[in-house]
Amino acid sequence: MKKGATGVIIRFVLKDEIKASMNEQALQDHLGHLVEKYKKVPGLLEKTFFVDADNLDQGAFLIFESKADWDTYTTTALYKNAVLDICEGEPSIEIYSLTASLKDGVIS
């Protein structure tokens, strides 16, 4: 990972109609489909999906090569379809400059 790498935490509440159709198998199928698409996002180094088992709220930890790569991603059809179209209201987004990792040590 290089200097300028950007970490993002995104969380959102699923729309009620999406929650109503969501079960463990549906979630696994959905994520399996998305993982392949996310492998092709320019500048995306890592994405770890998460779900709150109590209320099915979802989100992800993402690492991009740069903030510009994150900004570009948020303009794509994938972001619209995988996040905006299924969430109630706006997602919660936190953006950070990354400083060190277990794999790469201190980022300089």
PDB file of N, CA and C in Angstrom:
ATOM      1  N   MET A   1       0.847  -1.165   0.000  1.00  0.00           N
ATOM      2  CA  MET A   1       0.000   0.000   0.000  1.00  0.00           C
ATOM      3  C   MET A   1       0.900   1.238   0.000  1.00  0.00           C
ATOM      4  N   LYS A   2       0.511   2.240  -0.739  1.00  0.00           N
ATOM      5  CA  LYS A   2       1.340   3.431  -0.880  1.00  0.00           C
ATOM      6  C   LYS A   2       0.714   4.627  -0.171  1.00  0.00           C
ATOM      7  N   LYS A   3       1.535   5.642   0.039  1.00  0.00           N
ATOM      8  CA  LYS A   3       1.047   6.891   0.608  1.00  0.00           C
ATOM      9  C   LYS A   3      -0.103   7.402  -0.255  1.00  0.00           C
ATOM     10  N   GLY A   4      -1.129   7.905   0.386  1.00  0.00           N
ATOM     11  CA  GLY A   4      -2.307   8.371  -0.329  1.00  0.00           C
ATOM     12  C   GLY A   4      -3.433   7.359  -0.328  1.00  0.00           C
ATOM     13  N   ALA A   5      -3.144   6.144   0.157  1.00  0.00           N
ATOM     14  CA  ALA A   5      -4.199   5.126   0.236  1.00  0.00           C
ATOM     15  C   ALA A   5      -5.320   5.635   1.138  1.00  0.00           C
ATOM     16  N   THR A   6      -6.535   5.299   0.762  1.00  0.00           N
ATOM     17  CA  THR A   6      -7.721   5.800   1.450  1.00  0.00           C
ATOM     18  C   THR A   6      -8.574   4.651   1.941  1.00  0.00           C
ATOM     19  N   GLY A   7      -8.953   4.726   3.201  1.00  0.00           N
ATOM     20  CA  GLY A   7      -9.862   3.744   3.780  1.00  0.00           C
ATOM     21  C   GLY A   7     -11.246   4.345   3.918  1.00  0.00           C
ATOM     22  N   VAL A   8     -12.258   3.543   3.641  1.00  0.00           N
ATOM     23  CA  VAL A   8     -13.643   4.004   3.716  1.00  0.00           C
ATOM     24  C   VAL A   8     -14.460   2.985   4.495  1.00  0.00           C
ATOM     25  N   ILE A   9     -15.264   3.493   5.412  1.00  0.00           N
ATOM     26  CA  ILE A   9     -16.269   2.669   6.078  1.00  0.00           C
ATOM     27  C   ILE A   9     -17.617   3.186   5.611  1.00  0.00           C
ATOM     28  N   ILE A  10     -18.404   2.307   5.021  1.00  0.00           N
ATOM     29  CA  ILE A  10     -19.736   2.679   4.555  1.00  0.00           C
ATOM     30  C   ILE A  10     -20.745   1.758   5.227  1.00  0.00           C
ATOM     31  N   ARG A  11     -21.813   2.364   5.761  1.00  0.00           N
ATOM     32  CA  ARG A  11     -22.879   1.599   6.421  1.00  0.00           C
ATOM     33  C   ARG A  11     -24.214   2.121   5.934  1.00  0.00           C
ATOM     34  N   PHE A  12     -25.172   1.201   5.807  1.00  0.00           N
ATOM     35  CA  PHE A  12     -26.499   1.639   5.389  1.00  0.00           C
ATOM     36  C   PHE A  12     -27.578   0.697   5.887  1.00  0.00           C
ATOM     37  N   VAL A  13     -28.782   1.250   5.982  1.00  0.00           N
ATOM     38  CA  VAL A  13     -29.977   0.499   6.358  1.00  0.00           C
ATOM     39  C   VAL A  13     -30.654   0.067   5.066  1.00  0.00           C
ATOM     40  N   LEU A  14     -30.942  -1.208   4.952  1.00  0.00           N
ATOM     41  CA  LEU A  14     -31.635  -1.707   3.764  1.00  0.00           C
ATOM     42  C   LEU A  14     -33.074  -1.212   3.726  1.00  0.00           C
ATOM     43  N   LYS A  15     -33.571  -0.975   2.537  1.00  0.00           N
ATOM     44  CA  LYS A  15     -34.991  -0.658   2.374  1.00  0.00           C
ATOM     45  C   LYS A  15     -35.815  -1.840   2.867  1.00  0.00           C
ATOM     46  N   ASP A  16     -37.003  -1.552   3.404  1.00  0.00           N
ATOM     47  CA  ASP A  16     -37.852  -2.602   3.967  1.00  0.00           C
ATOM     48  C   ASP A  16     -38.156  -3.708   2.964  1.00  0.00           C
ATOM     49  N   GLU A  17     -38.402  -3.345   1.700  1.00  0.00           N
ATOM     50  CA  GLU A  17     -38.733  -4.370   0.706  1.00  0.00           C
ATOM     51  C   GLU A  17     -37.544  -5.286   0.408  1.00  0.00           C
ATOM     52  N   ILE A  18     -36.335  -4.761   0.564  1.00  0.00           N
ATOM     53  CA  ILE A  18     -35.139  -5.589   0.391  1.00  0.00           C
ATOM     54  C   ILE A  18     -34.982  -6.516   1.595  1.00  0.00           C
ATOM     55  N   LYS A  19     -35.165  -5.968   2.803  1.00  0.00           N
ATOM     56  CA  LYS A  19     -35.066  -6.784   4.019  1.00  0.00           C
ATOM     57  C   LYS A  19     -36.060  -7.940   3.990  1.00  0.00           C
ATOM     58  N   ALA A  20     -37.269  -7.672   3.489  1.00  0.00           N
ATOM     59  CA  ALA A  20     -38.322  -8.692   3.479  1.00  0.00           C
ATOM     60  C   ALA A  20     -37.929  -9.902   2.637  1.00  0.00           C
ATOM     61  N   SER A  21     -37.106  -9.680   1.618  1.00  0.00           N
ATOM     62  CA  SER A  21     -36.715 -10.786   0.738  1.00  0.00           C
ATOM     63  C   SER A  21     -35.340 -11.354   1.098  1.00  0.00           C
ATOM     64  N   MET A  22     -34.725 -10.838   2.156  1.00  0.00           N
ATOM     65  CA  MET A  22     -33.364 -11.222   2.498  1.00  0.00           C
ATOM     66  C   MET A  22     -33.352 -12.383   3.494  1.00  0.00           C
ATOM     67  N   ASN A  23     -32.631 -13.427   3.126  1.00  0.00           N
ATOM     68  CA  ASN A  23     -32.330 -14.522   4.047  1.00  0.00           C
ATOM     69  C   ASN A  23     -30.858 -14.872   3.836  1.00  0.00           C
ATOM     70  N   GLU A  24     -30.359 -15.827   4.586  1.00  0.00           N
ATOM     71  CA  GLU A  24     -28.930 -16.152   4.520  1.00  0.00           C
ATOM     72  C   GLU A  24     -28.498 -16.543   3.105  1.00  0.00           C
ATOM     73  N   GLN A  25     -29.288 -17.369   2.436  1.00  0.00           N
ATOM     74  CA  GLN A  25     -28.928 -17.805   1.088  1.00  0.00           C
ATOM     75  C   GLN A  25     -28.989 -16.648   0.098  1.00  0.00           C
ATOM     76  N   ALA A  26     -30.016 -15.812   0.207  1.00  0.00           N
ATOM     77  CA  ALA A  26     -30.138 -14.656  -0.687  1.00  0.00           C
ATOM     78  C   ALA A  26     -28.956 -13.709  -0.495  1.00  0.00           C
ATOM     79  N   LEU A  27     -28.550 -13.518   0.760  1.00  0.00           N
ATOM     80  CA  LEU A  27     -27.409 -12.650   1.042  1.00  0.00           C
ATOM     81  C   LEU A  27     -26.128 -13.229   0.440  1.00  0.00           C
ATOM     82  N   GLN A  28     -25.896 -14.511   0.620  1.00  0.00           N
ATOM     83  CA  GLN A  28     -24.693 -15.144   0.062  1.00  0.00           C
ATOM     84  C   GLN A  28     -24.680 -15.070  -1.461  1.00  0.00           C
ATOM     85  N   ASP A  29     -25.822 -15.321  -2.083  1.00  0.00           N
ATOM     86  CA  ASP A  29     -25.905 -15.242  -3.543  1.00  0.00           C
ATOM     87  C   ASP A  29     -25.607 -13.823  -4.025  1.00  0.00           C
ATOM     88  N   HIS A  30     -26.206 -12.848  -3.347  1.00  0.00           N
ATOM     89  CA  HIS A  30     -26.019 -11.441  -3.707  1.00  0.00           C
ATOM     90  C   HIS A  30     -24.544 -11.045  -3.579  1.00  0.00           C
ATOM     91  N   LEU A  31     -23.932 -11.410  -2.460  1.00  0.00           N
ATOM     92  CA  LEU A  31     -22.530 -11.049  -2.244  1.00  0.00           C
ATOM     93  C   LEU A  31     -21.602 -11.762  -3.222  1.00  0.00           C
ATOM     94  N   GLY A  32     -21.900 -13.014  -3.524  1.00  0.00           N
ATOM     95  CA  GLY A  32     -21.088 -13.739  -4.501  1.00  0.00           C
ATOM     96  C   GLY A  32     -21.074 -13.048  -5.849  1.00  0.00           C
ATOM     97  N   HIS A  33     -22.217 -12.528  -6.247  1.00  0.00           N
ATOM     98  CA  HIS A  33     -22.341 -11.789  -7.503  1.00  0.00           C
ATOM     99  C   HIS A  33     -21.542 -10.478  -7.428  1.00  0.00           C
ATOM    100  N   LEU A  34     -21.659  -9.781  -6.291  1.00  0.00           N
ATOM    101  CA  LEU A  34     -20.981  -8.491  -6.153  1.00  0.00           C
ATOM    102  C   LEU A  34     -19.464  -8.621  -6.081  1.00  0.00           C
ATOM    103  N   VAL A  35     -18.980  -9.644  -5.413  1.00  0.00           N
ATOM    104  CA  VAL A  35     -17.532  -9.804  -5.252  1.00  0.00           C
ATOM    105  C   VAL A  35     -16.838  -9.793  -6.611  1.00  0.00           C
ATOM    106  N   GLU A  36     -17.380 -10.499  -7.563  1.00  0.00           N
ATOM    107  CA  GLU A  36     -16.764 -10.544  -8.894  1.00  0.00           C
ATOM    108  C   GLU A  36     -16.755  -9.167  -9.545  1.00  0.00           C
ATOM    109  N   LYS A  37     -17.814  -8.408  -9.365  1.00  0.00           N
ATOM    110  CA  LYS A  37     -17.863  -7.057  -9.936  1.00  0.00           C
ATOM    111  C   LYS A  37     -16.852  -6.134  -9.263  1.00  0.00           C
ATOM    112  N   TYR A  38     -16.740  -6.250  -7.934  1.00  0.00           N
ATOM    113  CA  TYR A  38     -15.825  -5.368  -7.212  1.00  0.00           C
ATOM    114  C   TYR A  38     -14.364  -5.664  -7.514  1.00  0.00           C
ATOM    115  N   LYS A  39     -14.044  -6.856  -7.937  1.00  0.00           N
ATOM    116  CA  LYS A  39     -12.666  -7.172  -8.315  1.00  0.00           C
ATOM    117  C   LYS A  39     -12.199  -6.321  -9.493  1.00  0.00           C
ATOM    118  N   LYS A  40     -13.135  -5.761 -10.245  1.00  0.00           N
ATOM    119  CA  LYS A  40     -12.817  -4.994 -11.444  1.00  0.00           C
ATOM    120  C   LYS A  40     -12.832  -3.482 -11.228  1.00  0.00           C
ATOM    121  N   VAL A  41     -13.112  -3.015 -10.009  1.00  0.00           N
ATOM    122  CA  VAL A  41     -13.183  -1.575  -9.752  1.00  0.00           C
ATOM    123  C   VAL A  41     -11.767  -0.991  -9.741  1.00  0.00           C
ATOM    124  N   PRO A  42     -11.495  -0.024 -10.608  1.00  0.00           N
ATOM    125  CA  PRO A  42     -10.159   0.575 -10.659  1.00  0.00           C
ATOM    126  C   PRO A  42      -9.772   1.213  -9.322  1.00  0.00           C
ATOM    127  N   GLY A  43      -8.568   0.892  -8.865  1.00  0.00           N
ATOM    128  CA  GLY A  43      -8.045   1.494  -7.647  1.00  0.00           C
ATOM    129  C   GLY A  43      -8.524   0.864  -6.350  1.00  0.00           C
ATOM    130  N   LEU A  44      -9.450  -0.092  -6.418  1.00  0.00           N
ATOM    131  CA  LEU A  44      -9.938  -0.747  -5.203  1.00  0.00           C
ATOM    132  C   LEU A  44      -8.990  -1.884  -4.845  1.00  0.00           C
ATOM    133  N   LEU A  45      -8.343  -1.767  -3.699  1.00  0.00           N
ATOM    134  CA  LEU A  45      -7.374  -2.772  -3.264  1.00  0.00           C
ATOM    135  C   LEU A  45      -8.017  -3.868  -2.433  1.00  0.00           C
ATOM    136  N   GLU A  46      -9.029  -3.509  -1.659  1.00  0.00           N
ATOM    137  CA  GLU A  46      -9.670  -4.474  -0.757  1.00  0.00           C
ATOM    138  C   GLU A  46     -11.074  -4.002  -0.416  1.00  0.00           C
ATOM    139  N   LYS A  47     -11.976  -4.958  -0.262  1.00  0.00           N
ATOM    140  CA  LYS A  47     -13.326  -4.662   0.220  1.00  0.00           C
ATOM    141  C   LYS A  47     -13.777  -5.838   1.064  1.00  0.00           C
ATOM    142  N   THR A  48     -14.177  -5.538   2.290  1.00  0.00           N
ATOM    143  CA  THR A  48     -14.719  -6.545   3.187  1.00  0.00           C
ATOM    144  C   THR A  48     -16.146  -6.145   3.521  1.00  0.00           C
ATOM    145  N   PHE A  49     -17.082  -6.991   3.148  1.00  0.00           N
ATOM    146  CA  PHE A  49     -18.496  -6.729   3.392  1.00  0.00           C
ATOM    147  C   PHE A  49     -18.852  -7.135   4.819  1.00  0.00           C
ATOM    148  N   PHE A  50     -19.847  -6.452   5.420  1.00  0.00           N
ATOM    149  CA  PHE A  50     -20.352  -6.880   6.725  1.00  0.00           C
ATOM    150  C   PHE A  50     -21.857  -6.670   6.806  1.00  0.00           C
ATOM    151  N   VAL A  51     -22.488  -7.429   7.703  1.00  0.00           N
ATOM    152  CA  VAL A  51     -23.927  -7.319   7.940  1.00  0.00           C
ATOM    153  C   VAL A  51     -24.172  -7.418   9.439  1.00  0.00           C
ATOM    154  N   ASP A  52     -25.103  -6.619   9.934  1.00  0.00           N
ATOM    155  CA  ASP A  52     -25.542  -6.704  11.325  1.00  0.00           C
ATOM    156  C   ASP A  52     -26.615  -7.784  11.384  1.00  0.00           C
ATOM    157  N   ALA A  53     -26.320  -8.892  12.044  1.00  0.00           N
ATOM    158  CA  ALA A  53     -27.242 -10.036  12.072  1.00  0.00           C
ATOM    159  C   ALA A  53     -28.569  -9.701  12.746  1.00  0.00           C
ATOM    160  N   ASP A  54     -28.590  -8.696  13.613  1.00  0.00           N
ATOM    161  CA  ASP A  54     -29.824  -8.354  14.325  1.00  0.00           C
ATOM    162  C   ASP A  54     -30.835  -7.614  13.459  1.00  0.00           C
ATOM    163  N   ASN A  55     -30.361  -6.729  12.583  1.00  0.00           N
ATOM    164  CA  ASN A  55     -31.303  -5.908  11.809  1.00  0.00           C
ATOM    165  C   ASN A  55     -31.029  -5.888  10.304  1.00  0.00           C
ATOM    166  N   LEU A  56     -30.034  -6.634   9.858  1.00  0.00           N
ATOM    167  CA  LEU A  56     -29.643  -6.753   8.450  1.00  0.00           C
ATOM    168  C   LEU A  56     -29.058  -5.476   7.851  1.00  0.00           C
ATOM    169  N   ASP A  57     -28.724  -4.475   8.700  1.00  0.00           N
ATOM    170  CA  ASP A  57     -27.990  -3.331   8.174  1.00  0.00           C
ATOM    171  C   ASP A  57     -26.681  -3.857   7.596  1.00  0.00           C
ATOM    172  N   GLN A  58     -26.206  -3.199   6.546  1.00  0.00           N
ATOM    173  CA  GLN A  58     -25.027  -3.702   5.850  1.00  0.00           C
ATOM    174  C   GLN A  58     -24.006  -2.607   5.632  1.00  0.00           C
ATOM    175  N   GLY A  59     -22.851  -3.021   5.170  1.00  0.00           N
ATOM    176  CA  GLY A  59     -21.813  -2.066   4.858  1.00  0.00           C
ATOM    177  C   GLY A  59     -20.546  -2.766   4.442  1.00  0.00           C
ATOM    178  N   ALA A  60     -19.462  -1.988   4.423  1.00  0.00           N
ATOM    179  CA  ALA A  60     -18.183  -2.547   4.001  1.00  0.00           C
ATOM    180  C   ALA A  60     -17.039  -1.667   4.477  1.00  0.00           C
ATOM    181  N   PHE A  61     -15.882  -2.307   4.605  1.00  0.00           N
ATOM    182  CA  PHE A  61     -14.615  -1.614   4.780  1.00  0.00           C
ATOM    183  C   PHE A  61     -13.934  -1.678   3.418  1.00  0.00           C
ATOM    184  N   LEU A  62     -13.535  -0.545   2.884  1.00  0.00           N
ATOM    185  CA  LEU A  62     -12.898  -0.505   1.569  1.00  0.00           C
ATOM    186  C   LEU A  62     -11.546   0.186   1.662  1.00  0.00           C
ATOM    187  N   ILE A  63     -10.605  -0.269   0.850  1.00  0.00           N
ATOM    188  CA  ILE A  63      -9.309   0.390   0.738  1.00  0.00           C
ATOM    189  C   ILE A  63      -9.068   0.690  -0.739  1.00  0.00           C
ATOM    190  N   PHE A  64      -8.859   1.970  -1.015  1.00  0.00           N
ATOM    191  CA  PHE A  64      -8.576   2.432  -2.370  1.00  0.00           C
ATOM    192  C   PHE A  64      -7.149   2.957  -2.448  1.00  0.00           C
ATOM    193  N   GLU A  65      -6.576   2.918  -3.626  1.00  0.00           N
ATOM    194  CA  GLU A  65      -5.239   3.468  -3.834  1.00  0.00           C
ATOM    195  C   GLU A  65      -5.201   4.958  -3.530  1.00  0.00           C
ATOM    196  N   SER A  66      -6.330   5.647  -3.768  1.00  0.00           N
ATOM    197  CA  SER A  66      -6.376   7.090  -3.534  1.00  0.00           C
ATOM    198  C   SER A  66      -7.814   7.540  -3.289  1.00  0.00           C
ATOM    199  N   LYS A  67      -7.944   8.728  -2.749  1.00  0.00           N
ATOM    200  CA  LYS A  67      -9.269   9.331  -2.557  1.00  0.00           C
ATOM    201  C   LYS A  67      -9.934   9.549  -3.910  1.00  0.00           C
ATOM    202  N   ALA A  68      -9.152   9.887  -4.921  1.00  0.00           N
ATOM    203  CA  ALA A  68      -9.703  10.087  -6.264  1.00  0.00           C
ATOM    204  C   ALA A  68     -10.356   8.809  -6.780  1.00  0.00           C
ATOM    205  N   ASP A  69      -9.759   7.648  -6.479  1.00  0.00           N
ATOM    206  CA  ASP A  69     -10.365   6.373  -6.897  1.00  0.00           C
ATOM    207  C   ASP A  69     -11.708   6.164  -6.204  1.00  0.00           C
ATOM    208  N   TRP A  70     -11.790   6.492  -4.913  1.00  0.00           N
ATOM    209  CA  TRP A  70     -13.073   6.420  -4.194  1.00  0.00           C
ATOM    210  C   TRP A  70     -14.091   7.354  -4.844  1.00  0.00           C
ATOM    211  N   ASP A  71     -13.682   8.589  -5.091  1.00  0.00           N
ATOM    212  CA  ASP A  71     -14.594   9.566  -5.687  1.00  0.00           C
ATOM    213  C   ASP A  71     -15.115   9.083  -7.034  1.00  0.00           C
ATOM    214  N   THR A  72     -14.249   8.500  -7.835  1.00  0.00           N
ATOM    215  CA  THR A  72     -14.668   7.971  -9.137  1.00  0.00           C
ATOM    216  C   THR A  72     -15.644   6.818  -8.956  1.00  0.00           C
ATOM    217  N   TYR A  73     -15.351   5.916  -8.033  1.00  0.00           N
ATOM    218  CA  TYR A  73     -16.241   4.778  -7.777  1.00  0.00           C
ATOM    219  C   TYR A  73     -17.656   5.236  -7.428  1.00  0.00           C
ATOM    220  N   THR A  74     -17.780   6.312  -6.650  1.00  0.00           N
ATOM    221  CA  THR A  74     -19.116   6.756  -6.222  1.00  0.00           C
ATOM    222  C   THR A  74     -19.951   7.327  -7.367  1.00  0.00           C
ATOM    223  N   THR A  75     -19.361   7.474  -8.537  1.00  0.00           N
ATOM    224  CA  THR A  75     -20.116   7.948  -9.700  1.00  0.00           C
ATOM    225  C   THR A  75     -20.540   6.807 -10.625  1.00  0.00           C
ATOM    226  N   THR A  76     -20.202   5.568 -10.253  1.00  0.00           N
ATOM    227  CA  THR A  76     -20.438   4.432 -11.142  1.00  0.00           C
ATOM    228  C   THR A  76     -21.817   3.807 -10.961  1.00  0.00           C
ATOM    229  N   ALA A  77     -22.229   3.068 -11.965  1.00  0.00           N
ATOM    230  CA  ALA A  77     -23.484   2.307 -11.890  1.00  0.00           C
ATOM    231  C   ALA A  77     -23.403   1.245 -10.801  1.00  0.00           C
ATOM    232  N   LEU A  78     -22.234   0.672 -10.590  1.00  0.00           N
ATOM    233  CA  LEU A  78     -22.084  -0.338  -9.544  1.00  0.00           C
ATOM    234  C   LEU A  78     -22.412   0.255  -8.175  1.00  0.00           C
ATOM    235  N   TYR A  79     -21.883   1.424  -7.865  1.00  0.00           N
ATOM    236  CA  TYR A  79     -22.184   2.076  -6.582  1.00  0.00           C
ATOM    237  C   TYR A  79     -23.680   2.366  -6.472  1.00  0.00           C
ATOM    238  N   LYS A  80     -24.257   2.873  -7.529  1.00  0.00           N
ATOM    239  CA  LYS A  80     -25.694   3.170  -7.515  1.00  0.00           C
ATOM    240  C   LYS A  80     -26.498   1.899  -7.271  1.00  0.00           C
ATOM    241  N   ASN A  81     -26.198   0.840  -7.998  1.00  0.00           N
ATOM    242  CA  ASN A  81     -26.969  -0.402  -7.894  1.00  0.00           C
ATOM    243  C   ASN A  81     -26.709  -1.160  -6.596  1.00  0.00           C
ATOM    244  N   ALA A  82     -25.461  -1.191  -6.146  1.00  0.00           N
ATOM    245  CA  ALA A  82     -25.098  -2.009  -4.987  1.00  0.00           C
ATOM    246  C   ALA A  82     -25.304  -1.288  -3.659  1.00  0.00           C
ATOM    247  N   VAL A  83     -25.402   0.032  -3.695  1.00  0.00           N
ATOM    248  CA  VAL A  83     -25.558   0.791  -2.449  1.00  0.00           C
ATOM    249  C   VAL A  83     -26.804   1.668  -2.492  1.00  0.00           C
ATOM    250  N   LEU A  84     -26.804   2.668  -3.343  1.00  0.00           N
ATOM    251  CA  LEU A  84     -27.864   3.678  -3.305  1.00  0.00           C
ATOM    252  C   LEU A  84     -29.254   3.121  -3.564  1.00  0.00           C
ATOM    253  N   ASP A  85     -29.366   2.172  -4.486  1.00  0.00           N
ATOM    254  CA  ASP A  85     -30.690   1.647  -4.840  1.00  0.00           C
ATOM    255  C   ASP A  85     -31.301   0.755  -3.764  1.00  0.00           C
ATOM    256  N   ILE A  86     -30.489   0.245  -2.844  1.00  0.00           N
ATOM    257  CA  ILE A  86     -31.034  -0.681  -1.847  1.00  0.00           C
ATOM    258  C   ILE A  86     -31.053  -0.108  -0.433  1.00  0.00           C
ATOM    259  N   CYS A  87     -30.506   1.096  -0.257  1.00  0.00           N
ATOM    260  CA  CYS A  87     -30.457   1.637   1.105  1.00  0.00           C
ATOM    261  C   CYS A  87     -31.554   2.666   1.339  1.00  0.00           C
ATOM    262  N   GLU A  88     -31.974   2.712   2.591  1.00  0.00           N
ATOM    263  CA  GLU A  88     -32.971   3.674   3.044  1.00  0.00           C
ATOM    264  C   GLU A  88     -32.240   4.976   3.348  1.00  0.00           C
ATOM    265  N   GLY A  89     -32.579   6.031   2.644  1.00  0.00           N
ATOM    266  CA  GLY A  89     -31.883   7.302   2.851  1.00  0.00           C
ATOM    267  C   GLY A  89     -30.466   7.245   2.313  1.00  0.00           C
ATOM    268  N   GLU A  90     -29.605   8.037   2.914  1.00  0.00           N
ATOM    269  CA  GLU A  90     -28.208   8.100   2.489  1.00  0.00           C
ATOM    270  C   GLU A  90     -27.347   7.178   3.352  1.00  0.00           C
ATOM    271  N   PRO A  91     -26.336   6.563   2.772  1.00  0.00           N
ATOM    272  CA  PRO A  91     -25.433   5.739   3.578  1.00  0.00           C
ATOM    273  C   PRO A  91     -24.563   6.616   4.479  1.00  0.00           C
ATOM    274  N   SER A  92     -24.107   6.034   5.569  1.00  0.00           N
ATOM    275  CA  SER A  92     -23.125   6.683   6.439  1.00  0.00           C
ATOM    276  C   SER A  92     -21.747   6.359   5.872  1.00  0.00           C
ATOM    277  N   ILE A  93     -20.951   7.393   5.624  1.00  0.00           N
ATOM    278  CA  ILE A  93     -19.637   7.201   5.006  1.00  0.00           C
ATOM    279  C   ILE A  93     -18.576   7.919   5.832  1.00  0.00           C
ATOM    280  N   GLU A  94     -17.517   7.189   6.174  1.00  0.00           N
ATOM    281  CA  GLU A  94     -16.356   7.758   6.862  1.00  0.00           C
ATOM    282  C   GLU A  94     -15.136   7.497   5.986  1.00  0.00           C
ATOM    283  N   ILE A  95     -14.333   8.530   5.768  1.00  0.00           N
ATOM    284  CA  ILE A  95     -13.167   8.427   4.889  1.00  0.00           C
ATOM    285  C   ILE A  95     -11.907   8.763   5.686  1.00  0.00           C
ATOM    286  N   TYR A  96     -10.881   7.923   5.533  1.00  0.00           N
ATOM    287  CA  TYR A  96      -9.648   8.078   6.298  1.00  0.00           C
ATOM    288  C   TYR A  96      -8.422   7.963   5.400  1.00  0.00           C
ATOM    289  N   SER A  97      -7.370   8.685   5.757  1.00  0.00           N
ATOM    290  CA  SER A  97      -6.051   8.479   5.153  1.00  0.00           C
ATOM    291  C   SER A  97      -5.391   7.344   5.919  1.00  0.00           C
ATOM    292  N   LEU A  98      -4.918   6.344   5.216  1.00  0.00           N
ATOM    293  CA  LEU A  98      -4.324   5.179   5.869  1.00  0.00           C
ATOM    294  C   LEU A  98      -2.856   5.439   6.185  1.00  0.00           C
ATOM    295  N   THR A  99      -2.424   4.962   7.354  1.00  0.00           N
ATOM    296  CA  THR A  99      -1.072   5.267   7.823  1.00  0.00           C
ATOM    297  C   THR A  99      -0.185   4.042   8.015  1.00  0.00           C
ATOM    298  N   ALA A 100      -0.779   2.859   8.238  1.00  0.00           N
ATOM    299  CA  ALA A 100       0.007   1.636   8.430  1.00  0.00           C
ATOM    300  C   ALA A 100      -0.918   0.436   8.285  1.00  0.00           C
ATOM    301  N   SER A 101      -0.330  -0.711   7.949  1.00  0.00           N
ATOM    302  CA  SER A 101      -1.095  -1.959   7.882  1.00  0.00           C
ATOM    303  C   SER A 101      -0.216  -3.102   8.380  1.00  0.00           C
ATOM    304  N   LEU A 102      -0.837  -4.193   8.772  1.00  0.00           N
ATOM    305  CA  LEU A 102      -0.071  -5.363   9.210  1.00  0.00           C
ATOM    306  C   LEU A 102       0.762  -5.925   8.070  1.00  0.00           C
ATOM    307  N   LYS A 103       0.213  -5.885   6.873  1.00  0.00           N
ATOM    308  CA  LYS A 103       0.900  -6.437   5.708  1.00  0.00           C
ATOM    309  C   LYS A 103       2.080  -5.568   5.265  1.00  0.00           C
ATOM    310  N   ASP A 104       1.858  -4.249   5.200  1.00  0.00           N
ATOM    311  CA  ASP A 104       2.848  -3.348   4.614  1.00  0.00           C
ATOM    312  C   ASP A 104       3.626  -2.513   5.624  1.00  0.00           C
ATOM    313  N   GLY A 105       3.246  -2.552   6.881  1.00  0.00           N
ATOM    314  CA  GLY A 105       3.900  -1.708   7.875  1.00  0.00           C
ATOM    315  C   GLY A 105       3.478  -0.255   7.709  1.00  0.00           C
ATOM    316  N   VAL A 106       4.369   0.654   8.085  1.00  0.00           N
ATOM    317  CA  VAL A 106       4.086   2.083   7.994  1.00  0.00           C
ATOM    318  C   VAL A 106       4.051   2.485   6.523  1.00  0.00           C
ATOM    319  N   ILE A 107       3.028   3.219   6.169  1.00  0.00           N
ATOM    320  CA  ILE A 107       2.859   3.662   4.780  1.00  0.00           C
ATOM    321  C   ILE A 107       3.585   4.990   4.614  1.00  0.00           C
ATOM    322  N   SER A 108       4.531   5.017   3.671  1.00  0.00           N
ATOM    323  CA  SER A 108       5.285   6.261   3.456  1.00  0.00           C
ATOM    324  C   SER A 108       5.445   6.547   1.987  1.00  0.00           C
TER     325      SER A 108
END
